[in-house]
Amino acid sequence: MQWVRYLLHIISGCDFSVGAQIPASTKFPHPTGIVIGEGVVFMEGVTIFQNTTFGSHGRRGERQAYPHLEGGATVYAGAVVIGGVVLGEGCIVGANSVVLNSVPQGSSVKGNPAK
């Protein structure tokens, strides 16, 4: 199974962890350069654009927390979402944003850090 993941990584430039929960309704309009960590959870109808990263905060000694995206959330190109944040239902993350805090339902955020 590891060789299949490696082959897909070479072909697409993506790295989806087998532990991530990604429903079939997730949309990847431009599926290149996407990294999704092992504890990431996507709900129905999420849309993810190219060169985005979803992962843990990576701090040693702390519980590894991963993002949770509620239904209908959209994350645009180049965005990074790390840590145990929740992106609320229908929220939008602007291109090249860095999300370090949870985003309320129906909100839009942009920037580094995203506000």
PDB file of N, CA and C in Angstrom:
ATOM      1  N   MET A   1       0.820  -1.200   0.000  1.00  0.00           N
ATOM      2  CA  MET A   1       0.000   0.000   0.000  1.00  0.00           C
ATOM      3  C   MET A   1       0.862   1.261   0.000  1.00  0.00           C
ATOM      4  N   GLN A   2       2.001   1.206   0.673  1.00  0.00           N
ATOM      5  CA  GLN A   2       2.883   2.365   0.736  1.00  0.00           C
ATOM      6  C   GLN A   2       3.369   2.773  -0.655  1.00  0.00           C
ATOM      7  N   TRP A   3       3.628   1.813  -1.526  1.00  0.00           N
ATOM      8  CA  TRP A   3       4.110   2.151  -2.865  1.00  0.00           C
ATOM      9  C   TRP A   3       3.035   2.852  -3.684  1.00  0.00           C
ATOM     10  N   VAL A   4       1.752   2.523  -3.439  1.00  0.00           N
ATOM     11  CA  VAL A   4       0.655   3.195  -4.135  1.00  0.00           C
ATOM     12  C   VAL A   4       0.619   4.663  -3.725  1.00  0.00           C
ATOM     13  N   ARG A   5       0.748   4.912  -2.423  1.00  0.00           N
ATOM     14  CA  ARG A   5       0.752   6.288  -1.922  1.00  0.00           C
ATOM     15  C   ARG A   5       1.932   7.064  -2.506  1.00  0.00           C
ATOM     16  N   TYR A   6       3.095   6.433  -2.563  1.00  0.00           N
ATOM     17  CA  TYR A   6       4.294   7.065  -3.127  1.00  0.00           C
ATOM     18  C   TYR A   6       4.090   7.396  -4.603  1.00  0.00           C
ATOM     19  N   LEU A   7       3.518   6.455  -5.356  1.00  0.00           N
ATOM     20  CA  LEU A   7       3.270   6.672  -6.776  1.00  0.00           C
ATOM     21  C   LEU A   7       2.292   7.835  -6.983  1.00  0.00           C
ATOM     22  N   LEU A   8       1.224   7.869  -6.187  1.00  0.00           N
ATOM     23  CA  LEU A   8       0.265   8.967  -6.294  1.00  0.00           C
ATOM     24  C   LEU A   8       0.902  10.307  -5.931  1.00  0.00           C
ATOM     25  N   HIS A   9       1.801  10.287  -4.960  1.00  0.00           N
ATOM     26  CA  HIS A   9       2.510  11.509  -4.583  1.00  0.00           C
ATOM     27  C   HIS A   9       3.365  12.022  -5.745  1.00  0.00           C
ATOM     28  N   ILE A  10       4.033  11.135  -6.425  1.00  0.00           N
ATOM     29  CA  ILE A  10       4.869  11.522  -7.572  1.00  0.00           C
ATOM     30  C   ILE A  10       4.012  12.077  -8.707  1.00  0.00           C
ATOM     31  N   ILE A  11       2.906  11.416  -8.989  1.00  0.00           N
ATOM     32  CA  ILE A  11       2.055  11.821 -10.107  1.00  0.00           C
ATOM     33  C   ILE A  11       1.341  13.137  -9.835  1.00  0.00           C
ATOM     34  N   SER A  12       0.757  13.284  -8.640  1.00  0.00           N
ATOM     35  CA  SER A  12      -0.095  14.440  -8.361  1.00  0.00           C
ATOM     36  C   SER A  12       0.575  15.545  -7.555  1.00  0.00           C
ATOM     37  N   GLY A  13       1.661  15.205  -6.860  1.00  0.00           N
ATOM     38  CA  GLY A  13       2.281  16.187  -5.980  1.00  0.00           C
ATOM     39  C   GLY A  13       1.499  16.389  -4.702  1.00  0.00           C
ATOM     40  N   CYS A  14       0.556  15.491  -4.407  1.00  0.00           N
ATOM     41  CA  CYS A  14      -0.275  15.579  -3.205  1.00  0.00           C
ATOM     42  C   CYS A  14       0.167  14.540  -2.187  1.00  0.00           C
ATOM     43  N   ASP A  15      -0.165  14.805  -0.922  1.00  0.00           N
ATOM     44  CA  ASP A  15       0.133  13.845   0.142  1.00  0.00           C
ATOM     45  C   ASP A  15      -1.061  13.788   1.081  1.00  0.00           C
ATOM     46  N   PHE A  16      -1.909  12.796   0.895  1.00  0.00           N
ATOM     47  CA  PHE A  16      -3.095  12.596   1.730  1.00  0.00           C
ATOM     48  C   PHE A  16      -2.795  11.459   2.687  1.00  0.00           C
ATOM     49  N   SER A  17      -2.841  11.727   3.973  1.00  0.00           N
ATOM     50  CA  SER A  17      -2.609  10.683   4.962  1.00  0.00           C
ATOM     51  C   SER A  17      -3.768   9.703   4.959  1.00  0.00           C
ATOM     52  N   VAL A  18      -3.457   8.424   5.172  1.00  0.00           N
ATOM     53  CA  VAL A  18      -4.510   7.405   5.196  1.00  0.00           C
ATOM     54  C   VAL A  18      -5.402   7.567   6.419  1.00  0.00           C
ATOM     55  N   GLY A  19      -4.958   8.288   7.445  1.00  0.00           N
ATOM     56  CA  GLY A  19      -5.755   8.499   8.641  1.00  0.00           C
ATOM     57  C   GLY A  19      -6.723   9.665   8.547  1.00  0.00           C
ATOM     58  N   ALA A  20      -6.630  10.466   7.498  1.00  0.00           N
ATOM     59  CA  ALA A  20      -7.534  11.612   7.334  1.00  0.00           C
ATOM     60  C   ALA A  20      -8.928  11.123   6.945  1.00  0.00           C
ATOM     61  N   GLN A  21      -9.942  11.848   7.391  1.00  0.00           N
ATOM     62  CA  GLN A  21     -11.324  11.512   7.057  1.00  0.00           C
ATOM     63  C   GLN A  21     -11.818  12.479   5.985  1.00  0.00           C
ATOM     64  N   ILE A  22     -11.888  11.969   4.752  1.00  0.00           N
ATOM     65  CA  ILE A  22     -12.244  12.796   3.604  1.00  0.00           C
ATOM     66  C   ILE A  22     -13.419  12.137   2.886  1.00  0.00           C
ATOM     67  N   PRO A  23     -14.621  12.726   2.967  1.00  0.00           N
ATOM     68  CA  PRO A  23     -15.777  12.109   2.299  1.00  0.00           C
ATOM     69  C   PRO A  23     -15.703  12.262   0.777  1.00  0.00           C
ATOM     70  N   ALA A  24     -16.455  11.442   0.095  1.00  0.00           N
ATOM     71  CA  ALA A  24     -16.467  11.451  -1.369  1.00  0.00           C
ATOM     72  C   ALA A  24     -16.970  12.774  -1.941  1.00  0.00           C
ATOM     73  N   SER A  25     -17.732  13.537  -1.162  1.00  0.00           N
ATOM     74  CA  SER A  25     -18.283  14.796  -1.660  1.00  0.00           C
ATOM     75  C   SER A  25     -17.274  15.942  -1.638  1.00  0.00           C
ATOM     76  N   THR A  26     -16.066  15.697  -1.130  1.00  0.00           N
ATOM     77  CA  THR A  26     -15.043  16.747  -1.100  1.00  0.00           C
ATOM     78  C   THR A  26     -14.625  17.074  -2.530  1.00  0.00           C
ATOM     79  N   LYS A  27     -14.528  18.375  -2.833  1.00  0.00           N
ATOM     80  CA  LYS A  27     -14.165  18.807  -4.177  1.00  0.00           C
ATOM     81  C   LYS A  27     -12.729  19.321  -4.178  1.00  0.00           C
ATOM     82  N   PHE A  28     -11.967  18.895  -5.178  1.00  0.00           N
ATOM     83  CA  PHE A  28     -10.594  19.344  -5.390  1.00  0.00           C
ATOM     84  C   PHE A  28     -10.513  19.872  -6.827  1.00  0.00           C
ATOM     85  N   PRO A  29     -10.937  21.148  -7.078  1.00  0.00           N
ATOM     86  CA  PRO A  29     -10.953  21.675  -8.445  1.00  0.00           C
ATOM     87  C   PRO A  29      -9.600  21.657  -9.149  1.00  0.00           C
ATOM     88  N   HIS A  30      -8.526  21.887  -8.426  1.00  0.00           N
ATOM     89  CA  HIS A  30      -7.175  21.868  -8.996  1.00  0.00           C
ATOM     90  C   HIS A  30      -6.297  21.058  -8.051  1.00  0.00           C
ATOM     91  N   PRO A  31      -6.334  19.740  -8.143  1.00  0.00           N
ATOM     92  CA  PRO A  31      -5.728  18.872  -7.121  1.00  0.00           C
ATOM     93  C   PRO A  31      -4.224  18.664  -7.259  1.00  0.00           C
ATOM     94  N   THR A  32      -3.462  19.713  -7.040  1.00  0.00           N
ATOM     95  CA  THR A  32      -2.011  19.551  -7.027  1.00  0.00           C
ATOM     96  C   THR A  32      -1.448  20.232  -5.785  1.00  0.00           C
ATOM     97  N   GLY A  33      -0.412  19.644  -5.228  1.00  0.00           N
ATOM     98  CA  GLY A  33       0.292  20.249  -4.106  1.00  0.00           C
ATOM     99  C   GLY A  33      -0.479  20.302  -2.807  1.00  0.00           C
ATOM    100  N   ILE A  34      -1.446  19.436  -2.611  1.00  0.00           N
ATOM    101  CA  ILE A  34      -2.259  19.438  -1.398  1.00  0.00           C
ATOM    102  C   ILE A  34      -1.671  18.463  -0.383  1.00  0.00           C
ATOM    103  N   VAL A  35      -1.545  18.904   0.872  1.00  0.00           N
ATOM    104  CA  VAL A  35      -1.046  18.049   1.950  1.00  0.00           C
ATOM    105  C   VAL A  35      -2.120  17.987   3.039  1.00  0.00           C
ATOM    106  N   ILE A  36      -2.526  16.757   3.388  1.00  0.00           N
ATOM    107  CA  ILE A  36      -3.554  16.552   4.405  1.00  0.00           C
ATOM    108  C   ILE A  36      -3.029  15.566   5.438  1.00  0.00           C
ATOM    109  N   GLY A  37      -2.904  16.018   6.692  1.00  0.00           N
ATOM    110  CA  GLY A  37      -2.354  15.217   7.770  1.00  0.00           C
ATOM    111  C   GLY A  37      -3.299  14.135   8.271  1.00  0.00           C
ATOM    112  N   GLU A  38      -2.769  13.268   9.112  1.00  0.00           N
ATOM    113  CA  GLU A  38      -3.470  12.060   9.540  1.00  0.00           C
ATOM    114  C   GLU A  38      -4.727  12.272  10.362  1.00  0.00           C
ATOM    115  N   GLY A  39      -4.835  13.339  11.110  1.00  0.00           N
ATOM    116  CA  GLY A  39      -6.001  13.542  11.959  1.00  0.00           C
ATOM    117  C   GLY A  39      -7.016  14.526  11.419  1.00  0.00           C
ATOM    118  N   VAL A  40      -6.841  14.968  10.195  1.00  0.00           N
ATOM    119  CA  VAL A  40      -7.724  15.968   9.594  1.00  0.00           C
ATOM    120  C   VAL A  40      -9.095  15.347   9.307  1.00  0.00           C
ATOM    121  N   VAL A  41     -10.161  16.129   9.576  1.00  0.00           N
ATOM    122  CA  VAL A  41     -11.526  15.668   9.317  1.00  0.00           C
ATOM    123  C   VAL A  41     -12.226  16.697   8.433  1.00  0.00           C
ATOM    124  N   PHE A  42     -12.726  16.234   7.285  1.00  0.00           N
ATOM    125  CA  PHE A  42     -13.545  17.068   6.406  1.00  0.00           C
ATOM    126  C   PHE A  42     -14.978  16.546   6.498  1.00  0.00           C
ATOM    127  N   MET A  43     -15.942  17.451   6.554  1.00  0.00           N
ATOM    128  CA  MET A  43     -17.349  17.066   6.506  1.00  0.00           C
ATOM    129  C   MET A  43     -17.807  17.181   5.049  1.00  0.00           C
ATOM    130  N   GLU A  44     -19.067  16.923   4.796  1.00  0.00           N
ATOM    131  CA  GLU A  44     -19.611  16.915   3.434  1.00  0.00           C
ATOM    132  C   GLU A  44     -19.515  18.276   2.749  1.00  0.00           C
ATOM    133  N   GLY A  45     -19.202  18.263   1.442  1.00  0.00           N
ATOM    134  CA  GLY A  45     -19.260  19.463   0.619  1.00  0.00           C
ATOM    135  C   GLY A  45     -18.121  20.449   0.769  1.00  0.00           C
ATOM    136  N   VAL A  46     -16.998  20.031   1.333  1.00  0.00           N
ATOM    137  CA  VAL A  46     -15.836  20.917   1.469  1.00  0.00           C
ATOM    138  C   VAL A  46     -15.151  21.054   0.104  1.00  0.00           C
ATOM    139  N   THR A  47     -14.628  22.259  -0.181  1.00  0.00           N
ATOM    140  CA  THR A  47     -13.894  22.500  -1.424  1.00  0.00           C
ATOM    141  C   THR A  47     -12.487  22.967  -1.082  1.00  0.00           C
ATOM    142  N   ILE A  48     -11.496  22.296  -1.671  1.00  0.00           N
ATOM    143  CA  ILE A  48     -10.088  22.582  -1.400  1.00  0.00           C
ATOM    144  C   ILE A  48      -9.369  22.872  -2.721  1.00  0.00           C
ATOM    145  N   PHE A  49      -8.699  24.017  -2.790  1.00  0.00           N
ATOM    146  CA  PHE A  49      -7.943  24.361  -3.998  1.00  0.00           C
ATOM    147  C   PHE A  49      -6.467  23.980  -3.850  1.00  0.00           C
ATOM    148  N   GLN A  50      -5.686  24.217  -4.876  1.00  0.00           N
ATOM    149  CA  GLN A  50      -4.305  23.754  -4.979  1.00  0.00           C
ATOM    150  C   GLN A  50      -3.363  24.363  -3.938  1.00  0.00           C
ATOM    151  N   ASN A  51      -2.283  23.609  -3.681  1.00  0.00           N
ATOM    152  CA  ASN A  51      -1.182  24.043  -2.805  1.00  0.00           C
ATOM    153  C   ASN A  51      -1.630  24.432  -1.400  1.00  0.00           C
ATOM    154  N   THR A  52      -2.542  23.675  -0.839  1.00  0.00           N
ATOM    155  CA  THR A  52      -3.007  23.925   0.522  1.00  0.00           C
ATOM    156  C   THR A  52      -2.453  22.863   1.469  1.00  0.00           C
ATOM    157  N   THR A  53      -2.314  23.232   2.734  1.00  0.00           N
ATOM    158  CA  THR A  53      -1.781  22.318   3.749  1.00  0.00           C
ATOM    159  C   THR A  53      -2.701  22.296   4.953  1.00  0.00           C
ATOM    160  N   PHE A  54      -3.003  21.090   5.426  1.00  0.00           N
ATOM    161  CA  PHE A  54      -3.825  20.874   6.618  1.00  0.00           C
ATOM    162  C   PHE A  54      -3.061  19.927   7.524  1.00  0.00           C
ATOM    163  N   GLY A  55      -2.656  20.405   8.696  1.00  0.00           N
ATOM    164  CA  GLY A  55      -1.873  19.529   9.552  1.00  0.00           C
ATOM    165  C   GLY A  55      -1.827  19.974  10.986  1.00  0.00           C
ATOM    166  N   SER A  56      -1.031  19.248  11.750  1.00  0.00           N
ATOM    167  CA  SER A  56      -0.856  19.495  13.173  1.00  0.00           C
ATOM    168  C   SER A  56       0.061  20.698  13.375  1.00  0.00           C
ATOM    169  N   HIS A  57       0.045  21.240  14.583  1.00  0.00           N
ATOM    170  CA  HIS A  57       0.918  22.372  14.898  1.00  0.00           C
ATOM    171  C   HIS A  57       2.369  21.939  15.034  1.00  0.00           C
ATOM    172  N   GLY A  58       2.628  20.662  15.276  1.00  0.00           N
ATOM    173  CA  GLY A  58       3.985  20.135  15.300  1.00  0.00           C
ATOM    174  C   GLY A  58       4.798  20.451  16.537  1.00  0.00           C
ATOM    175  N   ARG A  59       4.173  20.953  17.586  1.00  0.00           N
ATOM    176  CA  ARG A  59       4.921  21.266  18.807  1.00  0.00           C
ATOM    177  C   ARG A  59       5.221  19.994  19.587  1.00  0.00           C
ATOM    178  N   ARG A  60       6.452  19.830  19.977  1.00  0.00           N
ATOM    179  CA  ARG A  60       6.843  18.635  20.727  1.00  0.00           C
ATOM    180  C   ARG A  60       6.228  18.634  22.113  1.00  0.00           C
ATOM    181  N   GLY A  61       5.846  17.445  22.567  1.00  0.00           N
ATOM    182  CA  GLY A  61       5.324  17.296  23.911  1.00  0.00           C
ATOM    183  C   GLY A  61       3.866  17.675  24.079  1.00  0.00           C
ATOM    184  N   GLU A  62       3.255  18.230  23.054  1.00  0.00           N
ATOM    185  CA  GLU A  62       1.842  18.598  23.134  1.00  0.00           C
ATOM    186  C   GLU A  62       1.024  17.624  22.295  1.00  0.00           C
ATOM    187  N   ARG A  63      -0.238  17.473  22.675  1.00  0.00           N
ATOM    188  CA  ARG A  63      -1.129  16.609  21.899  1.00  0.00           C
ATOM    189  C   ARG A  63      -1.212  17.153  20.472  1.00  0.00           C
ATOM    190  N   GLN A  64      -1.073  16.269  19.518  1.00  0.00           N
ATOM    191  CA  GLN A  64      -1.131  16.682  18.124  1.00  0.00           C
ATOM    192  C   GLN A  64      -2.585  16.901  17.717  1.00  0.00           C
ATOM    193  N   ALA A  65      -2.949  18.120  17.490  1.00  0.00           N
ATOM    194  CA  ALA A  65      -4.318  18.457  17.109  1.00  0.00           C
ATOM    195  C   ALA A  65      -4.358  18.807  15.619  1.00  0.00           C
ATOM    196  N   TYR A  66      -5.419  18.383  14.966  1.00  0.00           N
ATOM    197  CA  TYR A  66      -5.557  18.576  13.526  1.00  0.00           C
ATOM    198  C   TYR A  66      -6.832  19.354  13.203  1.00  0.00           C
ATOM    199  N   PRO A  67      -6.877  20.018  12.048  1.00  0.00           N
ATOM    200  CA  PRO A  67      -8.051  20.792  11.652  1.00  0.00           C
ATOM    201  C   PRO A  67      -9.291  19.937  11.403  1.00  0.00           C
ATOM    202  N   HIS A  68     -10.441  20.564  11.618  1.00  0.00           N
ATOM    203  CA  HIS A  68     -11.745  19.967  11.349  1.00  0.00           C
ATOM    204  C   HIS A  68     -12.514  20.967  10.497  1.00  0.00           C
ATOM    205  N   LEU A  69     -12.914  20.575   9.294  1.00  0.00           N
ATOM    206  CA  LEU A  69     -13.632  21.468   8.390  1.00  0.00           C
ATOM    207  C   LEU A  69     -15.084  21.045   8.316  1.00  0.00           C
ATOM    208  N   GLU A  70     -15.975  21.955   8.697  1.00  0.00           N
ATOM    209  CA  GLU A  70     -17.407  21.683   8.658  1.00  0.00           C
ATOM    210  C   GLU A  70     -17.915  21.766   7.211  1.00  0.00           C
ATOM    211  N   GLY A  71     -19.129  21.310   6.996  1.00  0.00           N
ATOM    212  CA  GLY A  71     -19.719  21.248   5.665  1.00  0.00           C
ATOM    213  C   GLY A  71     -19.716  22.559   4.916  1.00  0.00           C
ATOM    214  N   GLY A  72     -19.390  22.481   3.635  1.00  0.00           N
ATOM    215  CA  GLY A  72     -19.444  23.646   2.769  1.00  0.00           C
ATOM    216  C   GLY A  72     -18.299  24.627   2.912  1.00  0.00           C
ATOM    217  N   ALA A  73     -17.314  24.328   3.751  1.00  0.00           N
ATOM    218  CA  ALA A  73     -16.157  25.226   3.890  1.00  0.00           C
ATOM    219  C   ALA A  73     -15.350  25.215   2.589  1.00  0.00           C
ATOM    220  N   THR A  74     -14.761  26.363   2.254  1.00  0.00           N
ATOM    221  CA  THR A  74     -13.929  26.482   1.056  1.00  0.00           C
ATOM    222  C   THR A  74     -12.586  27.068   1.450  1.00  0.00           C
ATOM    223  N   VAL A  75     -11.515  26.415   1.004  1.00  0.00           N
ATOM    224  CA  VAL A  75     -10.159  26.882   1.292  1.00  0.00           C
ATOM    225  C   VAL A  75      -9.467  27.113  -0.050  1.00  0.00           C
ATOM    226  N   TYR A  76      -9.080  28.366  -0.285  1.00  0.00           N
ATOM    227  CA  TYR A  76      -8.491  28.738  -1.569  1.00  0.00           C
ATOM    228  C   TYR A  76      -6.987  28.494  -1.621  1.00  0.00           C
ATOM    229  N   ALA A  77      -6.428  28.636  -2.810  1.00  0.00           N
ATOM    230  CA  ALA A  77      -5.055  28.271  -3.135  1.00  0.00           C
ATOM    231  C   ALA A  77      -4.017  28.829  -2.177  1.00  0.00           C
ATOM    232  N   GLY A  78      -3.091  27.970  -1.783  1.00  0.00           N
ATOM    233  CA  GLY A  78      -1.941  28.384  -0.993  1.00  0.00           C
ATOM    234  C   GLY A  78      -2.191  28.548   0.487  1.00  0.00           C
ATOM    235  N   ALA A  79      -3.394  28.285   0.950  1.00  0.00           N
ATOM    236  CA  ALA A  79      -3.702  28.472   2.373  1.00  0.00           C
ATOM    237  C   ALA A  79      -3.097  27.355   3.221  1.00  0.00           C
ATOM    238  N   VAL A  80      -2.806  27.681   4.470  1.00  0.00           N
ATOM    239  CA  VAL A  80      -2.275  26.725   5.445  1.00  0.00           C
ATOM    240  C   VAL A  80      -3.194  26.761   6.658  1.00  0.00           C
ATOM    241  N   VAL A  81      -3.689  25.590   7.056  1.00  0.00           N
ATOM    242  CA  VAL A  81      -4.572  25.476   8.213  1.00  0.00           C
ATOM    243  C   VAL A  81      -3.923  24.475   9.159  1.00  0.00           C
ATOM    244  N   ILE A  82      -3.461  24.959  10.331  1.00  0.00           N
ATOM    245  CA  ILE A  82      -2.748  24.054  11.226  1.00  0.00           C
ATOM    246  C   ILE A  82      -3.280  24.124  12.654  1.00  0.00           C
ATOM    247  N   GLY A  83      -3.118  23.002  13.338  1.00  0.00           N
ATOM    248  CA  GLY A  83      -3.556  22.901  14.723  1.00  0.00           C
ATOM    249  C   GLY A  83      -4.996  22.441  14.822  1.00  0.00           C
ATOM    250  N   GLY A  84      -5.508  22.419  16.026  1.00  0.00           N
ATOM    251  CA  GLY A  84      -6.853  21.924  16.291  1.00  0.00           C
ATOM    252  C   GLY A  84      -7.940  22.937  16.032  1.00  0.00           C
ATOM    253  N   VAL A  85      -7.893  23.599  14.910  1.00  0.00           N
ATOM    254  CA  VAL A  85      -8.895  24.618  14.593  1.00  0.00           C
ATOM    255  C   VAL A  85     -10.119  23.992  13.936  1.00  0.00           C
ATOM    256  N   VAL A  86     -11.242  24.673  14.068  1.00  0.00           N
ATOM    257  CA  VAL A  86     -12.476  24.259  13.408  1.00  0.00           C
ATOM    258  C   VAL A  86     -12.861  25.356  12.427  1.00  0.00           C
ATOM    259  N   LEU A  87     -13.028  24.976  11.162  1.00  0.00           N
ATOM    260  CA  LEU A  87     -13.535  25.909  10.165  1.00  0.00           C
ATOM    261  C   LEU A  87     -15.030  25.664  10.081  1.00  0.00           C
ATOM    262  N   GLY A  88     -15.821  26.633  10.502  1.00  0.00           N
ATOM    263  CA  GLY A  88     -17.266  26.494  10.581  1.00  0.00           C
ATOM    264  C   GLY A  88     -17.938  26.270   9.244  1.00  0.00           C
ATOM    265  N   GLU A  89     -19.167  25.837   9.312  1.00  0.00           N
ATOM    266  CA  GLU A  89     -19.947  25.532   8.121  1.00  0.00           C
ATOM    267  C   GLU A  89     -20.029  26.746   7.197  1.00  0.00           C
ATOM    268  N   GLY A  90     -19.706  26.516   5.922  1.00  0.00           N
ATOM    269  CA  GLY A  90     -19.814  27.559   4.910  1.00  0.00           C
ATOM    270  C   GLY A  90     -18.775  28.662   4.984  1.00  0.00           C
ATOM    271  N   CYS A  91     -17.748  28.502   5.801  1.00  0.00           N
ATOM    272  CA  CYS A  91     -16.737  29.569   5.894  1.00  0.00           C
ATOM    273  C   CYS A  91     -15.814  29.542   4.682  1.00  0.00           C
ATOM    274  N   ILE A  92     -15.107  30.655   4.481  1.00  0.00           N
ATOM    275  CA  ILE A  92     -14.190  30.801   3.354  1.00  0.00           C
ATOM    276  C   ILE A  92     -12.837  31.245   3.881  1.00  0.00           C
ATOM    277  N   VAL A  93     -11.784  30.561   3.427  1.00  0.00           N
ATOM    278  CA  VAL A  93     -10.411  30.941   3.763  1.00  0.00           C
ATOM    279  C   VAL A  93      -9.774  31.455   2.482  1.00  0.00           C
ATOM    280  N   GLY A  94      -9.320  32.706   2.500  1.00  0.00           N
ATOM    281  CA  GLY A  94      -8.736  33.336   1.330  1.00  0.00           C
ATOM    282  C   GLY A  94      -7.397  32.738   0.926  1.00  0.00           C
ATOM    283  N   ALA A  95      -7.016  32.984  -0.302  1.00  0.00           N
ATOM    284  CA  ALA A  95      -5.761  32.473  -0.851  1.00  0.00           C
ATOM    285  C   ALA A  95      -4.561  32.939  -0.029  1.00  0.00           C
ATOM    286  N   ASN A  96      -3.618  32.038   0.159  1.00  0.00           N
ATOM    287  CA  ASN A  96      -2.352  32.290   0.856  1.00  0.00           C
ATOM    288  C   ASN A  96      -2.509  32.711   2.314  1.00  0.00           C
ATOM    289  N   SER A  97      -3.630  32.376   2.926  1.00  0.00           N
ATOM    290  CA  SER A  97      -3.851  32.693   4.334  1.00  0.00           C
ATOM    291  C   SER A  97      -3.243  31.624   5.223  1.00  0.00           C
ATOM    292  N   VAL A  98      -2.933  31.999   6.457  1.00  0.00           N
ATOM    293  CA  VAL A  98      -2.442  31.058   7.459  1.00  0.00           C
ATOM    294  C   VAL A  98      -3.441  31.073   8.609  1.00  0.00           C
ATOM    295  N   VAL A  99      -4.168  29.969   8.768  1.00  0.00           N
ATOM    296  CA  VAL A  99      -5.227  29.887   9.772  1.00  0.00           C
ATOM    297  C   VAL A  99      -4.691  29.183  11.012  1.00  0.00           C
ATOM    298  N   LEU A 100      -4.679  29.911  12.130  1.00  0.00           N
ATOM    299  CA  LEU A 100      -4.177  29.390  13.396  1.00  0.00           C
ATOM    300  C   LEU A 100      -5.274  29.322  14.456  1.00  0.00           C
ATOM    301  N   ASN A 101      -6.439  29.918  14.170  1.00  0.00           N
ATOM    302  CA  ASN A 101      -7.559  29.945  15.108  1.00  0.00           C
ATOM    303  C   ASN A 101      -8.831  29.509  14.388  1.00  0.00           C
ATOM    304  N   SER A 102      -9.793  29.028  15.150  1.00  0.00           N
ATOM    305  CA  SER A 102     -11.059  28.579  14.572  1.00  0.00           C
ATOM    306  C   SER A 102     -11.776  29.734  13.877  1.00  0.00           C
ATOM    307  N   VAL A 103     -12.557  29.380  12.853  1.00  0.00           N
ATOM    308  CA  VAL A 103     -13.294  30.357  12.058  1.00  0.00           C
ATOM    309  C   VAL A 103     -14.787  30.067  12.230  1.00  0.00           C
ATOM    310  N   PRO A 104     -15.577  31.071  12.652  1.00  0.00           N
ATOM    311  CA  PRO A 104     -17.012  30.850  12.863  1.00  0.00           C
ATOM    312  C   PRO A 104     -17.755  30.511  11.576  1.00  0.00           C
ATOM    313  N   GLN A 105     -18.883  29.882  11.746  1.00  0.00           N
ATOM    314  CA  GLN A 105     -19.761  29.522  10.638  1.00  0.00           C
ATOM    315  C   GLN A 105     -20.088  30.743   9.787  1.00  0.00           C
ATOM    316  N   GLY A 106     -19.993  30.586   8.455  1.00  0.00           N
ATOM    317  CA  GLY A 106     -20.365  31.641   7.535  1.00  0.00           C
ATOM    318  C   GLY A 106     -19.393  32.797   7.427  1.00  0.00           C
ATOM    319  N   SER A 107     -18.249  32.721   8.084  1.00  0.00           N
ATOM    320  CA  SER A 107     -17.268  33.815   8.059  1.00  0.00           C
ATOM    321  C   SER A 107     -16.271  33.642   6.927  1.00  0.00           C
ATOM    322  N   SER A 108     -15.596  34.744   6.602  1.00  0.00           N
ATOM    323  CA  SER A 108     -14.497  34.736   5.635  1.00  0.00           C
ATOM    324  C   SER A 108     -13.260  35.276   6.343  1.00  0.00           C
ATOM    325  N   VAL A 109     -12.122  34.637   6.121  1.00  0.00           N
ATOM    326  CA  VAL A 109     -10.872  35.118   6.696  1.00  0.00           C
ATOM    327  C   VAL A 109      -9.802  35.172   5.613  1.00  0.00           C
ATOM    328  N   LYS A 110      -8.811  36.033   5.850  1.00  0.00           N
ATOM    329  CA  LYS A 110      -7.681  36.139   4.927  1.00  0.00           C
ATOM    330  C   LYS A 110      -6.488  36.695   5.670  1.00  0.00           C
ATOM    331  N   GLY A 111      -5.317  36.521   5.110  1.00  0.00           N
ATOM    332  CA  GLY A 111      -4.107  37.104   5.672  1.00  0.00           C
ATOM    333  C   GLY A 111      -3.257  36.121   6.441  1.00  0.00           C
ATOM    334  N   ASN A 112      -2.154  36.667   6.991  1.00  0.00           N
ATOM    335  CA  ASN A 112      -1.200  35.877   7.756  1.00  0.00           C
ATOM    336  C   ASN A 112      -0.835  36.634   9.020  1.00  0.00           C
ATOM    337  N   PRO A 113      -1.393  36.264  10.152  1.00  0.00           N
ATOM    338  CA  PRO A 113      -2.381  35.209  10.362  1.00  0.00           C
ATOM    339  C   PRO A 113      -3.767  35.652   9.905  1.00  0.00           C
ATOM    340  N   ALA A 114      -4.589  34.671   9.561  1.00  0.00           N
ATOM    341  CA  ALA A 114      -5.927  34.959   9.023  1.00  0.00           C
ATOM    342  C   ALA A 114      -6.800  35.648  10.068  1.00  0.00           C
ATOM    343  N   LYS A 115      -7.492  36.699   9.618  1.00  0.00           N
ATOM    344  CA  LYS A 115      -8.421  37.453  10.493  1.00  0.00           C
ATOM    345  C   LYS A 115      -9.691  37.725   9.729  1.00  0.00           C
TER     346      LYS A 115
END
